[in-house]
Amino acid sequence: MALSVLHLVLWIFGIRDHAPQDGAFGGGSHPSSFSGTHSLMRLLAAAVIAVAFLSLAIWAAVWLAIKLL
């Protein structure tokens, strides 16, 4: 499950083909994964993920503070 979530986050941020396999270092330009019509959706999804992680961290900090009181 964790690997699937990591794969989804990397896909949303547009990080793919960052480590060529089998020595396939292609020459020339590579089209950016942020170009096209989906860049706004990826930006929105990245913002949603960031807000979700921040709210989870704040919730965990408050929960821990309540438990320690």
C-alpha atoms as a PDB file:
ATOM      1  CA  MET A   1       0.000   0.000   0.000  1.00  0.00           C
ATOM      2  CA  ALA A   2       2.765   2.450   0.911  1.00  0.00           C
ATOM      3  CA  LEU A   3       4.510   1.852  -2.395  1.00  0.00           C
ATOM      4  CA  SER A   4       1.277   2.537  -4.269  1.00  0.00           C
ATOM      5  CA  VAL A   5       0.757   5.805  -2.387  1.00  0.00           C
ATOM      6  CA  LEU A   6       4.356   6.847  -3.103  1.00  0.00           C
ATOM      7  CA  HIS A   7       3.882   5.981  -6.771  1.00  0.00           C
ATOM      8  CA  LEU A   8       0.678   8.053  -6.877  1.00  0.00           C
ATOM      9  CA  VAL A   9       2.345  11.075  -5.254  1.00  0.00           C
ATOM     10  CA  LEU A  10       5.295  10.883  -7.649  1.00  0.00           C
ATOM     11  CA  TRP A  11       2.892  10.599 -10.593  1.00  0.00           C
ATOM     12  CA  ILE A  12       0.871  13.618  -9.429  1.00  0.00           C
ATOM     13  CA  PHE A  13       3.979  15.755  -9.064  1.00  0.00           C
ATOM     14  CA  GLY A  14       5.097  14.649 -12.524  1.00  0.00           C
ATOM     15  CA  ILE A  15       8.253  12.873 -11.385  1.00  0.00           C
ATOM     16  CA  ARG A  16       8.746   9.987 -13.737  1.00  0.00           C
ATOM     17  CA  ASP A  17      11.569   8.536 -15.769  1.00  0.00           C
ATOM     18  CA  HIS A  18      14.002  10.086 -13.316  1.00  0.00           C
ATOM     19  CA  ALA A  19      16.248   7.013 -13.206  1.00  0.00           C
ATOM     20  CA  PRO A  20      16.824   5.396 -16.603  1.00  0.00           C
ATOM     21  CA  GLN A  21      17.112   1.633 -16.477  1.00  0.00           C
ATOM     22  CA  ASP A  22      19.308  -0.698 -18.522  1.00  0.00           C
ATOM     23  CA  GLY A  23      21.705   2.134 -19.372  1.00  0.00           C
ATOM     24  CA  ALA A  24      19.096   3.884 -21.502  1.00  0.00           C
ATOM     25  CA  PHE A  25      20.411   7.429 -21.194  1.00  0.00           C
ATOM     26  CA  GLY A  26      18.688   9.014 -24.138  1.00  0.00           C
ATOM     27  CA  GLY A  27      20.171  12.054 -25.755  1.00  0.00           C
ATOM     28  CA  GLY A  28      18.293  15.123 -26.812  1.00  0.00           C
ATOM     29  CA  SER A  29      15.473  16.987 -25.191  1.00  0.00           C
ATOM     30  CA  HIS A  30      12.806  15.318 -23.160  1.00  0.00           C
ATOM     31  CA  PRO A  31       9.362  16.910 -23.068  1.00  0.00           C
ATOM     32  CA  SER A  32       8.459  18.267 -19.666  1.00  0.00           C
ATOM     33  CA  SER A  33       5.808  16.354 -17.782  1.00  0.00           C
ATOM     34  CA  PHE A  34       4.254  19.662 -16.668  1.00  0.00           C
ATOM     35  CA  SER A  35       3.540  20.823 -20.207  1.00  0.00           C
ATOM     36  CA  GLY A  36       0.095  20.293 -21.618  1.00  0.00           C
ATOM     37  CA  THR A  37      -3.411  20.603 -20.333  1.00  0.00           C
ATOM     38  CA  HIS A  38      -2.964  18.684 -17.102  1.00  0.00           C
ATOM     39  CA  SER A  39      -0.511  21.067 -15.433  1.00  0.00           C
ATOM     40  CA  LEU A  40      -3.235  22.971 -13.576  1.00  0.00           C
ATOM     41  CA  MET A  41      -4.792  19.746 -12.323  1.00  0.00           C
ATOM     42  CA  ARG A  42      -1.416  18.466 -11.128  1.00  0.00           C
ATOM     43  CA  LEU A  43      -0.739  21.738  -9.345  1.00  0.00           C
ATOM     44  CA  LEU A  44      -4.140  21.565  -7.671  1.00  0.00           C
ATOM     45  CA  ALA A  45      -3.615  17.934  -6.672  1.00  0.00           C
ATOM     46  CA  ALA A  46      -0.179  18.753  -5.244  1.00  0.00           C
ATOM     47  CA  ALA A  47      -1.703  21.574  -3.202  1.00  0.00           C
ATOM     48  CA  VAL A  48      -4.436  19.270  -1.894  1.00  0.00           C
ATOM     49  CA  ILE A  49      -1.877  16.641  -0.895  1.00  0.00           C
ATOM     50  CA  ALA A  50       0.267  19.253   0.848  1.00  0.00           C
ATOM     51  CA  VAL A  51      -2.724  20.606   2.800  1.00  0.00           C
ATOM     52  CA  ALA A  52      -3.771  17.068   3.737  1.00  0.00           C
ATOM     53  CA  PHE A  53      -0.298  16.214   5.063  1.00  0.00           C
ATOM     54  CA  LEU A  54      -0.082  19.494   6.987  1.00  0.00           C
ATOM     55  CA  SER A  55      -3.498  19.010   8.565  1.00  0.00           C
ATOM     56  CA  LEU A  56      -2.570  15.439   9.512  1.00  0.00           C
ATOM     57  CA  ALA A  57       0.652  16.675  11.137  1.00  0.00           C
ATOM     58  CA  ILE A  58      -1.223  19.351  13.103  1.00  0.00           C
ATOM     59  CA  TRP A  59      -3.841  16.808  14.194  1.00  0.00           C
ATOM     60  CA  ALA A  60      -1.100  14.423  15.357  1.00  0.00           C
ATOM     61  CA  ALA A  61       0.657  17.201  17.289  1.00  0.00           C
ATOM     62  CA  VAL A  62      -2.557  18.225  19.055  1.00  0.00           C
ATOM     63  CA  TRP A  63      -3.444  14.603  19.825  1.00  0.00           C
ATOM     64  CA  LEU A  64       0.019  14.016  21.262  1.00  0.00           C
ATOM     65  CA  ALA A  65      -0.163  17.184  23.351  1.00  0.00           C
ATOM     66  CA  ILE A  66      -3.540  16.117  24.774  1.00  0.00           C
ATOM     67  CA  LYS A  67      -2.192  12.652  25.607  1.00  0.00           C
ATOM     68  CA  LEU A  68       0.840  14.112  27.383  1.00  0.00           C
ATOM     69  CA  LEU A  69      -1.233  16.438  29.596  1.00  0.00           C
END
